[in-house]
Protein backbone atom coordinates (compact mmCIF):
# COMPACT_ATOMS: atom_id res chain seq x y z
CA UNK A 1 70.96 46.64 119.91
CA UNK A 2 69.51 43.25 119.10
CA UNK A 3 70.22 41.99 115.61
CA UNK A 4 66.63 40.75 115.42
CA UNK A 5 65.36 44.13 114.27
CA UNK A 6 63.18 44.32 111.16
CA UNK A 7 62.39 47.42 109.13
CA UNK A 8 58.99 47.17 107.45
CA UNK A 9 58.45 49.77 104.74
CA UNK A 10 54.80 50.62 104.20
CA UNK A 11 53.95 48.95 107.49
CA UNK A 12 50.94 51.19 108.11
CA UNK A 13 48.96 49.40 105.40
CA UNK A 14 46.59 46.47 105.74
CA UNK A 15 49.06 43.60 105.24
CA UNK A 16 51.86 45.48 106.98
CA UNK A 17 49.87 45.67 110.22
CA UNK A 18 49.34 41.90 110.30
CA UNK A 19 53.02 41.35 109.52
CA UNK A 20 54.27 43.71 112.22
CA UNK A 21 51.86 42.21 114.74
CA UNK A 22 53.17 38.70 114.05
CA UNK A 23 56.82 39.77 114.05
CA UNK A 24 56.34 41.52 117.40
CA UNK A 25 54.59 38.48 118.85
CA UNK A 26 57.55 36.39 117.65
CA UNK A 27 59.83 38.64 119.70
CA UNK A 28 61.32 40.84 116.98
CA UNK A 29 61.81 44.56 117.28
CA UNK A 30 59.96 46.21 114.39
CA UNK A 31 60.36 49.63 112.81
CA UNK A 32 57.36 50.77 110.74
CA UNK A 33 58.83 53.09 108.09
CA UNK A 34 55.99 54.84 106.30
CA UNK A 35 54.75 58.24 105.17
CA UNK A 36 51.94 58.13 107.73
CA UNK A 37 51.12 56.13 110.87
CA UNK A 38 48.44 53.44 110.78
CA UNK A 39 44.80 54.48 110.70
CA UNK A 40 43.04 54.38 114.10
CA UNK A 41 41.27 51.15 113.09
CA UNK A 42 44.50 49.37 112.15
CA UNK A 43 46.41 50.84 115.10
CA UNK A 44 43.82 49.46 117.51
CA UNK A 45 44.16 46.04 115.88
CA UNK A 46 47.96 46.23 116.16
CA UNK A 47 47.85 47.31 119.80
CA UNK A 48 45.65 44.36 120.71
CA UNK A 49 48.57 41.92 120.67
CA UNK A 50 51.43 40.56 122.71
CA UNK A 51 54.59 42.66 122.54
CA UNK A 52 52.83 45.56 120.77
CA UNK A 53 55.47 47.80 122.34
CA UNK A 54 58.04 46.09 120.12
CA UNK A 55 56.67 48.10 117.17
CA UNK A 56 57.64 51.73 116.68
CA UNK A 57 56.74 54.18 113.93
CA UNK A 58 59.25 56.22 111.96
CA UNK A 59 57.94 58.70 109.42
CA UNK A 60 59.87 58.58 106.17
CA UNK A 61 59.89 58.08 102.42
CA UNK A 62 61.57 55.25 100.54
CA UNK A 63 62.55 57.87 97.95
CA UNK A 64 64.88 59.45 100.53
CA UNK A 65 67.86 57.07 100.46
CA UNK A 66 69.97 58.93 103.07
CA UNK A 67 67.07 58.84 105.51
CA UNK A 68 66.37 55.14 104.93
CA UNK A 69 70.03 54.36 105.62
CA UNK A 70 70.11 56.60 108.69
CA UNK A 71 66.98 55.11 110.25
CA UNK A 72 68.12 51.54 109.57
CA UNK A 73 71.62 52.15 110.87
CA UNK A 74 70.52 53.95 114.05
CA UNK A 75 67.97 51.26 114.92
CA UNK A 76 70.32 48.35 114.29
CA UNK A 77 68.14 46.94 111.53
CA UNK A 78 69.36 43.64 110.12
CA UNK A 79 66.43 42.70 107.88
CA UNK A 80 63.97 44.61 105.69
CA UNK A 81 60.52 43.67 104.45
CA UNK A 82 59.75 46.05 101.61
CA UNK A 83 56.00 46.53 101.32
CA UNK A 84 55.77 50.23 100.44
CA UNK A 85 54.45 50.75 96.93
CA UNK A 86 52.00 52.69 94.81
CA UNK A 87 49.39 49.95 94.60
CA UNK A 88 46.56 50.79 92.24
CA UNK A 89 46.83 49.13 88.82
CA UNK A 90 44.18 51.29 87.15
CA UNK A 91 45.50 54.53 88.64
CA UNK A 92 49.07 53.58 87.72
CA UNK A 93 48.11 53.87 84.06
CA UNK A 94 47.20 57.52 84.70
CA UNK A 95 50.38 58.19 86.69
CA UNK A 96 53.15 56.12 85.09
CA UNK A 97 56.05 58.36 86.10
CA UNK A 98 55.08 58.39 89.75
CA UNK A 99 54.47 54.63 89.67
CA UNK A 100 58.02 53.90 88.52
CA UNK A 101 59.49 56.51 90.83
CA UNK A 102 57.80 54.99 93.88
CA UNK A 103 57.91 51.32 92.96
CA UNK A 104 61.21 51.03 91.12
CA UNK A 105 63.44 53.82 92.42
CA UNK A 106 62.03 53.33 95.91
CA UNK A 107 62.84 49.62 95.76
CA UNK A 108 66.37 50.30 94.48
CA UNK A 109 66.87 52.48 97.55
CA UNK A 110 65.90 49.54 99.76
CA UNK A 111 68.26 47.16 97.96
CA UNK A 112 71.01 49.76 98.19
CA UNK A 113 70.42 50.14 101.93
CA UNK A 114 70.65 46.38 102.37
CA UNK A 115 73.86 46.33 100.34
CA UNK A 116 75.57 49.21 102.13
CA UNK A 117 74.64 48.00 105.62
CA UNK A 118 75.36 44.35 104.82
CA UNK A 119 71.95 43.17 105.97
CA UNK A 120 71.15 39.51 106.33
CA UNK A 121 67.90 39.61 104.31
CA UNK A 122 65.61 41.82 102.27
CA UNK A 123 62.19 40.52 101.29
CA UNK A 124 60.50 42.30 98.40
CA UNK A 125 56.72 42.08 98.24
CA UNK A 126 55.68 41.41 94.67
CA UNK A 127 52.48 40.36 92.94
CA UNK A 128 50.99 38.08 90.32
CA UNK A 129 50.65 41.36 88.42
CA UNK A 130 54.15 40.62 87.07
CA UNK A 131 52.53 38.31 84.50
CA UNK A 132 51.52 40.13 81.28
CA UNK A 133 49.18 37.34 80.14
CA UNK A 134 48.55 33.71 81.00
CA UNK A 135 50.69 31.51 78.75
CA UNK A 136 50.17 28.23 80.55
CA UNK A 137 48.39 26.85 83.56
CA UNK A 138 49.06 26.24 86.38
CA UNK A 139 51.14 29.41 86.51
CA UNK A 140 54.44 29.06 88.33
CA UNK A 141 57.69 30.95 88.88
CA UNK A 142 59.00 29.80 85.48
CA UNK A 143 56.10 31.48 83.69
CA UNK A 144 57.54 34.41 81.70
CA UNK A 145 57.12 37.92 83.10
CA UNK A 146 58.43 39.49 79.89
CA UNK A 147 56.76 38.43 76.66
CA UNK A 148 57.68 40.28 73.45
CA UNK A 149 54.60 41.94 72.03
CA UNK A 150 52.52 41.39 75.18
CA UNK A 151 52.81 44.34 77.51
CA UNK A 152 51.59 44.38 81.09
CA UNK A 153 48.03 45.55 81.66
CA UNK A 154 49.26 48.20 84.05
CA UNK A 155 52.38 50.14 84.94
CA UNK A 156 51.97 48.67 88.41
CA UNK A 157 52.53 45.19 87.01
CA UNK A 158 55.58 46.11 84.97
CA UNK A 159 57.05 48.06 87.90
CA UNK A 160 56.77 44.98 90.10
CA UNK A 161 58.41 42.84 87.42
CA UNK A 162 61.27 45.34 87.34
CA UNK A 163 61.78 45.11 91.11
CA UNK A 164 62.22 41.35 90.81
CA UNK A 165 64.79 41.63 88.01
CA UNK A 166 66.73 44.29 89.89
CA UNK A 167 66.60 42.29 93.11
CA UNK A 168 68.06 39.25 91.39
CA UNK A 169 70.88 41.42 90.04
CA UNK A 170 71.67 42.78 93.52
CA UNK A 171 71.66 39.24 94.83
CA UNK A 172 73.95 37.80 92.16
CA UNK A 173 76.31 40.74 91.75
CA UNK A 174 76.37 42.39 95.19
CA UNK A 175 75.67 39.53 97.61
CA UNK A 176 72.41 41.02 98.82
CA UNK A 177 70.33 38.23 100.36
CA UNK A 178 67.17 38.97 98.40
CA UNK A 179 63.81 37.17 98.21
CA UNK A 180 60.60 38.15 96.42
CA UNK A 181 57.19 36.77 97.37
CA UNK A 182 54.28 37.21 94.99
CA UNK A 183 50.87 37.89 96.51
CA UNK A 184 47.42 37.40 95.04
CA UNK A 185 44.04 38.59 96.24
CA UNK A 186 45.01 39.14 99.87
CA UNK A 187 41.92 39.61 102.03
CA UNK A 188 41.01 40.04 105.70
CA UNK A 189 39.82 42.54 108.26
CA UNK A 190 41.25 45.97 107.51
CA UNK A 191 41.65 45.44 103.77
CA UNK A 192 41.34 48.54 101.60
CA UNK A 193 40.30 47.36 98.15
CA UNK A 194 36.99 45.61 97.61
CA UNK A 195 37.84 42.64 95.36
CA UNK A 196 34.12 41.88 95.90
CA UNK A 197 34.87 40.11 99.18
CA UNK A 198 35.24 43.20 101.38
CA UNK A 199 31.91 44.75 100.39
CA UNK A 200 30.11 41.43 100.53
CA UNK A 201 31.28 40.63 104.06
CA UNK A 202 31.12 44.07 105.61
CA UNK A 203 27.76 44.97 104.13
CA UNK A 204 26.29 41.62 105.19
CA UNK A 205 27.51 42.09 108.77
CA UNK A 206 25.86 45.55 108.74
CA UNK A 207 22.67 44.10 107.24
CA UNK A 208 23.15 46.10 104.06
CA UNK A 209 22.59 44.76 100.52
CA UNK A 210 25.47 44.40 98.07
CA UNK A 211 25.13 44.58 94.30
CA UNK A 212 27.79 44.34 91.60
CA UNK A 213 26.87 45.02 87.98
CA UNK A 214 29.65 42.73 86.72
CA UNK A 215 32.41 40.41 87.88
CA UNK A 216 30.59 37.22 88.82
CA UNK A 217 32.77 35.15 86.49
CA UNK A 218 36.03 36.89 87.44
CA UNK A 219 38.27 34.41 89.23
CA UNK A 220 41.01 35.20 91.72
CA UNK A 221 43.41 33.32 93.91
CA UNK A 222 42.11 34.72 97.21
CA UNK A 223 44.70 34.40 99.97
CA UNK A 224 43.91 35.03 103.62
CA UNK A 225 46.20 37.71 105.05
CA UNK A 226 47.66 35.48 107.76
CA UNK A 227 48.82 32.99 105.12
CA UNK A 228 50.46 35.83 103.20
CA UNK A 229 52.22 37.01 106.37
CA UNK A 230 53.40 33.49 107.11
CA UNK A 231 54.99 33.33 103.66
CA UNK A 232 56.84 36.60 104.29
CA UNK A 233 58.17 35.43 107.65
CA UNK A 234 59.35 32.15 106.16
CA UNK A 235 61.16 34.10 103.43
CA UNK A 236 62.62 36.44 106.04
CA UNK A 237 64.11 33.63 108.13
CA UNK A 238 65.05 30.96 105.57
CA UNK A 239 68.68 29.91 105.23
CA UNK A 240 70.37 31.22 102.11
CA UNK A 241 71.29 27.66 101.17
CA UNK A 242 67.59 26.81 100.84
CA UNK A 243 66.76 29.77 98.63
CA UNK A 244 67.63 28.36 95.25
CA UNK A 245 64.97 30.25 93.33
CA UNK A 246 64.68 33.51 95.33
CA UNK A 247 61.19 34.20 93.90
CA UNK A 248 58.08 32.47 95.25
CA UNK A 249 54.34 32.41 94.78
CA UNK A 250 52.81 32.45 98.27
CA UNK A 251 49.09 32.27 97.55
CA UNK A 252 46.27 29.84 98.33
CA UNK A 253 46.69 27.92 95.08
CA UNK A 254 42.89 27.94 94.60
CA UNK A 255 40.67 30.00 92.29
CA UNK A 256 37.29 31.40 93.29
CA UNK A 257 34.95 33.56 91.25
CA UNK A 258 33.02 36.57 92.47
CA UNK A 259 29.90 34.40 92.39
CA UNK A 260 31.66 31.74 94.48
CA UNK A 261 32.53 34.33 97.11
CA UNK A 262 28.95 35.60 97.16
CA UNK A 263 27.69 32.07 97.78
CA UNK A 264 30.17 31.41 100.60
CA UNK A 265 29.42 34.70 102.36
CA UNK A 266 25.68 34.05 102.04
CA UNK A 267 26.07 30.63 103.68
CA UNK A 268 28.17 32.01 106.52
CA UNK A 269 25.95 35.06 107.14
CA UNK A 270 22.30 33.95 106.88
CA UNK A 271 20.13 36.66 105.45
CA UNK A 272 22.94 38.32 103.48
CA UNK A 273 21.64 40.11 100.38
CA UNK A 274 24.27 39.80 97.66
CA UNK A 275 23.84 39.97 93.91
CA UNK A 276 26.61 39.94 91.33
CA UNK A 277 26.13 39.78 87.56
CA UNK A 278 28.24 37.19 85.71
CA UNK A 279 29.29 39.62 82.96
CA UNK A 280 32.78 41.10 82.91
CA UNK A 281 33.66 44.74 82.30
CA UNK A 282 36.40 45.55 79.81
CA UNK A 283 38.90 46.05 82.65
CA UNK A 284 37.84 42.72 84.21
CA UNK A 285 38.30 40.94 80.86
CA UNK A 286 41.88 42.23 80.68
CA UNK A 287 42.40 41.18 84.28
CA UNK A 288 41.14 37.67 83.57
CA UNK A 289 43.63 37.29 80.70
CA UNK A 290 46.52 37.11 83.19
CA UNK A 291 44.86 35.05 85.91
CA UNK A 292 44.97 31.30 86.27
CA UNK A 293 45.50 28.52 88.77
CA UNK A 294 48.74 29.14 90.64
CA UNK A 295 51.28 26.44 91.43
CA UNK A 296 52.70 27.02 94.94
CA UNK A 297 54.84 23.87 95.05
CA UNK A 298 58.14 25.80 94.84
CA UNK A 299 57.28 27.84 97.94
CA UNK A 300 56.34 24.63 99.72
CA UNK A 301 59.63 23.01 98.76
CA UNK A 302 62.08 25.85 99.45
CA UNK A 303 60.29 27.90 102.12
CA UNK A 304 58.16 25.26 103.80
CA UNK A 305 55.12 27.38 102.97
CA UNK A 306 51.70 25.81 103.42
CA UNK A 307 48.40 27.74 103.38
CA UNK A 308 46.52 27.12 106.62
CA UNK A 309 43.25 28.86 105.80
CA UNK A 310 40.63 27.57 103.41
CA UNK A 311 38.46 30.25 101.83
CA UNK A 312 35.69 29.39 104.31
CA UNK A 313 38.10 29.58 107.26
CA UNK A 314 39.49 32.93 106.12
CA UNK A 315 36.07 34.48 105.57
CA UNK A 316 34.88 33.15 108.93
CA UNK A 317 37.81 34.73 110.75
CA UNK A 318 37.31 37.98 108.79
CA UNK A 319 33.69 38.07 109.98
CA UNK A 320 34.64 37.32 113.59
CA UNK A 321 37.40 39.95 113.64
CA UNK A 322 35.14 42.56 112.05
CA UNK A 323 32.46 41.96 114.66
CA UNK A 324 34.98 42.05 117.50
CA UNK A 325 36.46 45.41 116.59
CA UNK A 326 33.19 46.93 115.45
CA UNK A 327 31.72 46.27 118.88
CA UNK A 328 34.74 47.33 120.93
């Protein structure tokens, strides 16, 4: 079995589909390890690619360590990209126990699999949610993720911070070749959560109006999904000697507000009806407290990461892809 075999946990999700598609097109064999197969929409997108047959689905749970090990061992997996997670910051505050079980224990199982099978790399997908609050700007990898007296705004955020700390320990004490990449505001065709941009684009394409009662002043580092995937693949293939820091921010490095996104979508889709109030809800105010301009220079230096899509380019491709698959 070829050593170039990658296990992608949570591969059935939005970003996972783009990642598996690119890995397959690069010639890798890919195992999608997830609780459920991709939705018909995402499966059709995945199938419309070179080497789509290189991707296979294996039903399983990251909470089942013996099964993870068995699947990886039988398939000849040499690398893991760990994307599976309970991703819903607001809901995580209602379900803290499950959040830590899925996001922390599940991640430990992945690190343990990599350790026991002596894998050449495990890439952990993390988030800017690891920051409790914004202490300084631009925010970089040296920005503290634990601040006494300043808890995370969600159990999701603290669970992701824990996975990074545990990964570093596996790397330093057990020789697991670990890397974490932190995402922010990943968008593109097939995305699940609105973040304003999904509703604005998809409603405009369908000639439907969009209205948000708040959020116009909420800024995000919106990153096009193909840039996020590129960062993961760079982390997956980098030489250990280049990975001095092991944790990297792979975002666009640019902030855009909800109102900015509305303006861009309106320019790219003439006739779009989009309104968004500038006010922030209480949840959005808390969210803003931990957001700031992100410094991606470390990822550029150690991974060779460089965003290729401007916000206009990303939204344009989103629109084109949406139209293509909506009409097929």
